[in-house]
Amino acid sequence: MNSVPNPQFNFSPNAIQAIENLRTQFQAVAKEKSGAVVVAWGTSIPHDGSQGRSAIVVSFYTERQMVDMAQHVRVIDGLEVVLFTLPHNYSRFDGKIIDYTDEKGFFLVSP
């Protein structure tokens, strides 16, 4: 398997702003304060058997969950981040920038 042990990636200013907007929405409904940003690679699986879509998924751990996740946190562009994905997806992130637009959501670009 061709995997990168600790993929290095960054966030664009647009992605950071979108994450902070999501954090505000999260805080409005969550019973706990948000902790680190969770960045994952997710794949939808349609019920009709058609081709699923893969994309970056962004969420948050709560502060209580951070007790268990603290060892996995790294600071990237000022954000506390946990990359939550399978090792075979590490190469998708390595050397890339996570960007954001309203049309595309979060996506990876080469610098």
N, C-alpha and C. Protein backbone atom coordinates (compact mmCIF):
# COMPACT_ATOMS: atom_id res chain seq x y z
N MET A 1 0.83 -1.17 0.00
CA MET A 1 0.00 0.00 0.00
C MET A 1 0.88 1.23 0.00
N ASN A 2 0.54 2.20 -0.81
CA ASN A 2 1.28 3.44 -0.93
C ASN A 2 0.63 4.49 -0.05
N SER A 3 1.04 4.60 1.20
CA SER A 3 0.42 5.58 2.08
C SER A 3 1.47 6.50 2.68
N VAL A 4 1.06 7.69 2.98
CA VAL A 4 1.91 8.69 3.60
C VAL A 4 1.60 8.67 5.08
N PRO A 5 2.59 8.41 5.97
CA PRO A 5 2.30 8.24 7.38
C PRO A 5 1.63 9.45 8.05
N ASN A 6 2.01 10.64 7.68
CA ASN A 6 1.45 11.84 8.29
C ASN A 6 1.26 12.89 7.20
N PRO A 7 0.18 12.80 6.44
CA PRO A 7 0.03 13.69 5.29
C PRO A 7 0.03 15.16 5.70
N GLN A 8 0.76 15.94 4.93
CA GLN A 8 0.85 17.37 5.18
C GLN A 8 -0.09 18.09 4.21
N PHE A 9 -0.97 18.90 4.76
CA PHE A 9 -1.88 19.68 3.93
C PHE A 9 -2.16 21.00 4.62
N ASN A 10 -2.76 21.92 3.89
CA ASN A 10 -3.09 23.24 4.41
C ASN A 10 -4.51 23.60 4.04
N PHE A 11 -4.97 24.73 4.56
CA PHE A 11 -6.29 25.25 4.27
C PHE A 11 -6.17 26.58 3.56
N SER A 12 -7.04 26.82 2.59
CA SER A 12 -7.12 28.14 1.97
C SER A 12 -7.86 29.08 2.92
N PRO A 13 -7.72 30.39 2.74
CA PRO A 13 -8.50 31.32 3.56
C PRO A 13 -10.02 31.08 3.43
N ASN A 14 -10.48 30.73 2.23
CA ASN A 14 -11.91 30.44 2.05
C ASN A 14 -12.33 29.23 2.89
N ALA A 15 -11.49 28.20 2.94
CA ALA A 15 -11.82 27.01 3.73
C ALA A 15 -11.84 27.33 5.22
N ILE A 16 -10.89 28.13 5.68
CA ILE A 16 -10.86 28.50 7.10
C ILE A 16 -12.13 29.28 7.45
N GLN A 17 -12.53 30.20 6.60
CA GLN A 17 -13.75 30.97 6.86
C GLN A 17 -14.98 30.05 6.88
N ALA A 18 -15.05 29.12 5.95
CA ALA A 18 -16.18 28.18 5.90
C ALA A 18 -16.21 27.30 7.15
N ILE A 19 -15.04 26.87 7.61
CA ILE A 19 -14.96 26.07 8.84
C ILE A 19 -15.45 26.87 10.04
N GLU A 20 -15.04 28.12 10.12
CA GLU A 20 -15.49 28.95 11.25
C GLU A 20 -17.00 29.22 11.17
N ASN A 21 -17.54 29.36 9.96
CA ASN A 21 -18.99 29.50 9.80
C ASN A 21 -19.70 28.23 10.26
N LEU A 22 -19.15 27.06 9.89
CA LEU A 22 -19.73 25.80 10.36
C LEU A 22 -19.64 25.67 11.87
N ARG A 23 -18.54 26.12 12.43
CA ARG A 23 -18.37 26.05 13.89
C ARG A 23 -19.46 26.89 14.58
N THR A 24 -19.74 28.06 14.04
CA THR A 24 -20.79 28.92 14.59
C THR A 24 -22.14 28.20 14.54
N GLN A 25 -22.43 27.54 13.41
CA GLN A 25 -23.69 26.79 13.29
C GLN A 25 -23.70 25.61 14.25
N PHE A 26 -22.58 24.92 14.38
CA PHE A 26 -22.46 23.78 15.30
C PHE A 26 -22.73 24.25 16.73
N GLN A 27 -22.11 25.36 17.12
CA GLN A 27 -22.27 25.87 18.47
C GLN A 27 -23.71 26.28 18.76
N ALA A 28 -24.44 26.70 17.74
CA ALA A 28 -25.82 27.13 17.92
C ALA A 28 -26.74 25.97 18.31
N VAL A 29 -26.37 24.74 17.94
CA VAL A 29 -27.23 23.59 18.23
C VAL A 29 -26.60 22.56 19.19
N ALA A 30 -25.30 22.61 19.35
CA ALA A 30 -24.61 21.63 20.20
C ALA A 30 -24.80 21.97 21.67
N LYS A 31 -24.78 20.95 22.48
CA LYS A 31 -24.88 21.14 23.92
C LYS A 31 -23.52 21.34 24.56
N GLU A 32 -22.47 21.09 23.77
CA GLU A 32 -21.10 21.26 24.26
C GLU A 32 -20.33 22.15 23.30
N LYS A 33 -19.27 22.73 23.81
CA LYS A 33 -18.40 23.56 22.99
C LYS A 33 -17.61 22.69 22.02
N SER A 34 -17.38 23.21 20.83
CA SER A 34 -16.61 22.44 19.84
C SER A 34 -15.14 22.42 20.21
N GLY A 35 -14.50 21.31 19.84
CA GLY A 35 -13.06 21.16 20.01
C GLY A 35 -12.40 21.26 18.65
N ALA A 36 -11.59 20.28 18.33
CA ALA A 36 -10.84 20.28 17.08
C ALA A 36 -11.74 20.05 15.87
N VAL A 37 -11.27 20.56 14.75
CA VAL A 37 -11.91 20.31 13.46
C VAL A 37 -11.58 18.88 13.04
N VAL A 38 -12.58 18.15 12.57
CA VAL A 38 -12.36 16.82 12.04
C VAL A 38 -12.42 16.92 10.52
N VAL A 39 -11.37 16.48 9.86
CA VAL A 39 -11.33 16.42 8.41
C VAL A 39 -11.31 14.95 8.02
N ALA A 40 -12.28 14.55 7.20
CA ALA A 40 -12.39 13.15 6.81
C ALA A 40 -12.60 13.05 5.30
N TRP A 41 -12.39 11.85 4.78
CA TRP A 41 -12.72 11.54 3.39
C TRP A 41 -13.92 10.61 3.43
N GLY A 42 -15.03 11.08 2.91
CA GLY A 42 -16.26 10.30 2.96
C GLY A 42 -16.75 9.93 1.58
N THR A 43 -17.44 8.81 1.48
CA THR A 43 -18.03 8.36 0.22
C THR A 43 -19.50 8.04 0.46
N SER A 44 -20.35 8.66 -0.35
CA SER A 44 -21.78 8.35 -0.24
C SER A 44 -22.04 7.05 -1.01
N ILE A 45 -23.03 6.31 -0.54
CA ILE A 45 -23.40 5.06 -1.19
C ILE A 45 -24.89 5.14 -1.50
N PRO A 46 -25.23 5.49 -2.73
CA PRO A 46 -26.64 5.63 -3.10
C PRO A 46 -27.39 4.30 -3.01
N HIS A 47 -28.65 4.37 -2.62
CA HIS A 47 -29.49 3.18 -2.50
C HIS A 47 -29.79 2.53 -3.84
N ASP A 48 -29.69 3.30 -4.92
CA ASP A 48 -30.05 2.75 -6.23
C ASP A 48 -28.89 2.03 -6.92
N GLY A 49 -27.75 1.91 -6.24
CA GLY A 49 -26.62 1.20 -6.81
C GLY A 49 -25.76 2.03 -7.75
N SER A 50 -26.12 3.31 -7.95
CA SER A 50 -25.32 4.16 -8.83
C SER A 50 -23.99 4.53 -8.15
N GLN A 51 -23.13 5.14 -8.91
CA GLN A 51 -21.80 5.53 -8.43
C GLN A 51 -21.93 6.54 -7.30
N GLY A 52 -21.28 6.28 -6.19
CA GLY A 52 -21.28 7.21 -5.07
C GLY A 52 -20.33 8.36 -5.33
N ARG A 53 -20.42 9.37 -4.51
CA ARG A 53 -19.57 10.55 -4.62
C ARG A 53 -18.65 10.58 -3.41
N SER A 54 -17.37 10.84 -3.63
CA SER A 54 -16.40 10.98 -2.55
C SER A 54 -16.02 12.43 -2.40
N ALA A 55 -15.83 12.84 -1.16
CA ALA A 55 -15.50 14.25 -0.92
C ALA A 55 -14.96 14.42 0.49
N ILE A 56 -14.45 15.59 0.75
CA ILE A 56 -14.01 15.96 2.09
C ILE A 56 -15.24 16.22 2.95
N VAL A 57 -15.18 15.72 4.17
CA VAL A 57 -16.22 15.96 5.16
C VAL A 57 -15.58 16.71 6.32
N VAL A 58 -16.23 17.76 6.77
CA VAL A 58 -15.71 18.56 7.89
C VAL A 58 -16.73 18.54 9.01
N SER A 59 -16.25 18.29 10.22
CA SER A 59 -17.10 18.29 11.40
C SER A 59 -16.25 18.73 12.58
N PHE A 60 -16.75 18.50 13.79
CA PHE A 60 -16.02 18.91 14.99
C PHE A 60 -16.16 17.84 16.06
N TYR A 61 -15.09 17.64 16.81
CA TYR A 61 -15.19 16.90 18.05
C TYR A 61 -15.64 17.90 19.10
N THR A 62 -16.34 17.41 20.12
CA THR A 62 -16.68 18.27 21.25
C THR A 62 -15.49 18.31 22.19
N GLU A 63 -15.50 19.27 23.09
CA GLU A 63 -14.39 19.35 24.05
C GLU A 63 -14.28 18.08 24.87
N ARG A 64 -15.40 17.47 25.23
CA ARG A 64 -15.37 16.23 26.00
C ARG A 64 -14.71 15.11 25.20
N GLN A 65 -14.98 15.04 23.90
CA GLN A 65 -14.37 14.01 23.05
C GLN A 65 -12.87 14.23 22.88
N MET A 66 -12.44 15.46 23.06
CA MET A 66 -11.03 15.79 22.85
C MET A 66 -10.12 15.08 23.85
N VAL A 67 -10.64 14.67 24.98
CA VAL A 67 -9.84 13.93 25.95
C VAL A 67 -9.25 12.68 25.29
N ASP A 68 -10.07 11.99 24.50
CA ASP A 68 -9.62 10.77 23.82
C ASP A 68 -8.85 11.06 22.53
N MET A 69 -9.08 12.23 21.94
CA MET A 69 -8.49 12.51 20.62
C MET A 69 -7.26 13.41 20.68
N ALA A 70 -6.94 13.92 21.84
CA ALA A 70 -5.86 14.92 21.96
C ALA A 70 -4.55 14.49 21.31
N GLN A 71 -4.22 13.21 21.39
CA GLN A 71 -2.95 12.74 20.82
C GLN A 71 -2.93 12.82 19.30
N HIS A 72 -4.09 12.97 18.67
CA HIS A 72 -4.18 13.01 17.22
C HIS A 72 -4.30 14.42 16.66
N VAL A 73 -4.35 15.40 17.54
CA VAL A 73 -4.54 16.79 17.11
C VAL A 73 -3.23 17.38 16.61
N ARG A 74 -3.32 18.09 15.51
CA ARG A 74 -2.20 18.91 15.07
C ARG A 74 -2.74 20.27 14.68
N VAL A 75 -1.89 21.26 14.73
CA VAL A 75 -2.30 22.61 14.37
C VAL A 75 -1.88 22.86 12.93
N ILE A 76 -2.88 23.20 12.11
CA ILE A 76 -2.64 23.50 10.70
C ILE A 76 -3.29 24.84 10.40
N ASP A 77 -2.50 25.78 9.98
CA ASP A 77 -2.99 27.12 9.65
C ASP A 77 -3.83 27.72 10.78
N GLY A 78 -3.39 27.48 12.02
CA GLY A 78 -4.05 28.05 13.18
C GLY A 78 -5.25 27.27 13.69
N LEU A 79 -5.63 26.18 13.03
CA LEU A 79 -6.76 25.36 13.44
C LEU A 79 -6.27 24.07 14.08
N GLU A 80 -6.90 23.67 15.19
CA GLU A 80 -6.63 22.35 15.75
C GLU A 80 -7.40 21.35 14.90
N VAL A 81 -6.68 20.37 14.31
CA VAL A 81 -7.25 19.48 13.31
C VAL A 81 -6.94 18.02 13.65
N VAL A 82 -7.93 17.16 13.40
CA VAL A 82 -7.73 15.72 13.43
C VAL A 82 -8.10 15.20 12.05
N LEU A 83 -7.16 14.53 11.39
CA LEU A 83 -7.45 13.88 10.11
C LEU A 83 -8.01 12.50 10.43
N PHE A 84 -9.25 12.28 10.04
CA PHE A 84 -9.93 11.02 10.35
C PHE A 84 -10.25 10.33 9.03
N THR A 85 -9.34 9.49 8.59
CA THR A 85 -9.53 8.78 7.33
C THR A 85 -8.68 7.51 7.34
N LEU A 86 -8.99 6.62 6.43
CA LEU A 86 -8.21 5.39 6.31
C LEU A 86 -6.85 5.68 5.68
N PRO A 87 -5.83 4.92 6.04
CA PRO A 87 -4.49 5.17 5.51
C PRO A 87 -4.42 5.19 3.98
N HIS A 88 -5.25 4.41 3.29
CA HIS A 88 -5.15 4.43 1.83
C HIS A 88 -5.62 5.76 1.25
N ASN A 89 -6.22 6.63 2.05
CA ASN A 89 -6.62 7.96 1.58
C ASN A 89 -5.61 9.06 1.93
N TYR A 90 -4.57 8.73 2.68
CA TYR A 90 -3.60 9.75 3.08
C TYR A 90 -3.01 10.47 1.88
N SER A 91 -2.72 9.74 0.83
CA SER A 91 -2.08 10.36 -0.33
C SER A 91 -2.99 11.38 -1.01
N ARG A 92 -4.29 11.29 -0.81
CA ARG A 92 -5.21 12.30 -1.37
C ARG A 92 -4.92 13.67 -0.76
N PHE A 93 -4.52 13.69 0.50
CA PHE A 93 -4.33 14.94 1.23
C PHE A 93 -2.90 15.48 1.15
N ASP A 94 -1.92 14.59 1.03
CA ASP A 94 -0.53 14.99 1.15
C ASP A 94 -0.13 16.03 0.11
N GLY A 95 0.38 17.18 0.59
CA GLY A 95 0.85 18.25 -0.29
C GLY A 95 -0.27 19.09 -0.89
N LYS A 96 -1.51 18.89 -0.45
CA LYS A 96 -2.65 19.59 -1.04
C LYS A 96 -3.14 20.72 -0.15
N ILE A 97 -4.01 21.52 -0.71
CA ILE A 97 -4.69 22.58 0.01
C ILE A 97 -6.17 22.26 -0.01
N ILE A 98 -6.80 22.34 1.16
CA ILE A 98 -8.25 22.20 1.22
C ILE A 98 -8.84 23.58 0.97
N ASP A 99 -9.66 23.66 -0.06
CA ASP A 99 -10.29 24.92 -0.45
C ASP A 99 -11.80 24.78 -0.27
N TYR A 100 -12.52 25.87 -0.46
CA TYR A 100 -13.98 25.86 -0.31
C TYR A 100 -14.62 26.89 -1.23
N THR A 101 -15.70 26.50 -1.86
CA THR A 101 -16.61 27.44 -2.53
C THR A 101 -18.02 26.99 -2.20
N ASP A 102 -18.96 27.92 -2.26
CA ASP A 102 -20.36 27.57 -2.00
C ASP A 102 -20.86 26.53 -3.00
N GLU A 103 -20.37 26.59 -4.23
CA GLU A 103 -20.82 25.66 -5.28
C GLU A 103 -20.28 24.25 -5.10
N LYS A 104 -19.01 24.15 -4.70
CA LYS A 104 -18.35 22.84 -4.63
C LYS A 104 -18.21 22.29 -3.21
N GLY A 105 -18.40 23.11 -2.21
CA GLY A 105 -18.13 22.68 -0.85
C GLY A 105 -16.62 22.64 -0.62
N PHE A 106 -16.16 21.71 0.21
CA PHE A 106 -14.72 21.54 0.46
C PHE A 106 -14.14 20.62 -0.60
N PHE A 107 -12.95 20.96 -1.09
CA PHE A 107 -12.29 20.15 -2.11
C PHE A 107 -10.79 20.37 -2.03
N LEU A 108 -10.04 19.45 -2.61
CA LEU A 108 -8.58 19.49 -2.60
C LEU A 108 -8.05 20.09 -3.88
N VAL A 109 -7.02 20.94 -3.74
CA VAL A 109 -6.32 21.49 -4.90
C VAL A 109 -4.82 21.37 -4.67
N SER A 110 -4.10 21.31 -5.78
CA SER A 110 -2.63 21.33 -5.69
C SER A 110 -2.18 22.78 -5.56
N PRO A 111 -1.12 23.00 -4.80
CA PRO A 111 -0.63 24.39 -4.63
C PRO A 111 -0.10 24.97 -5.93
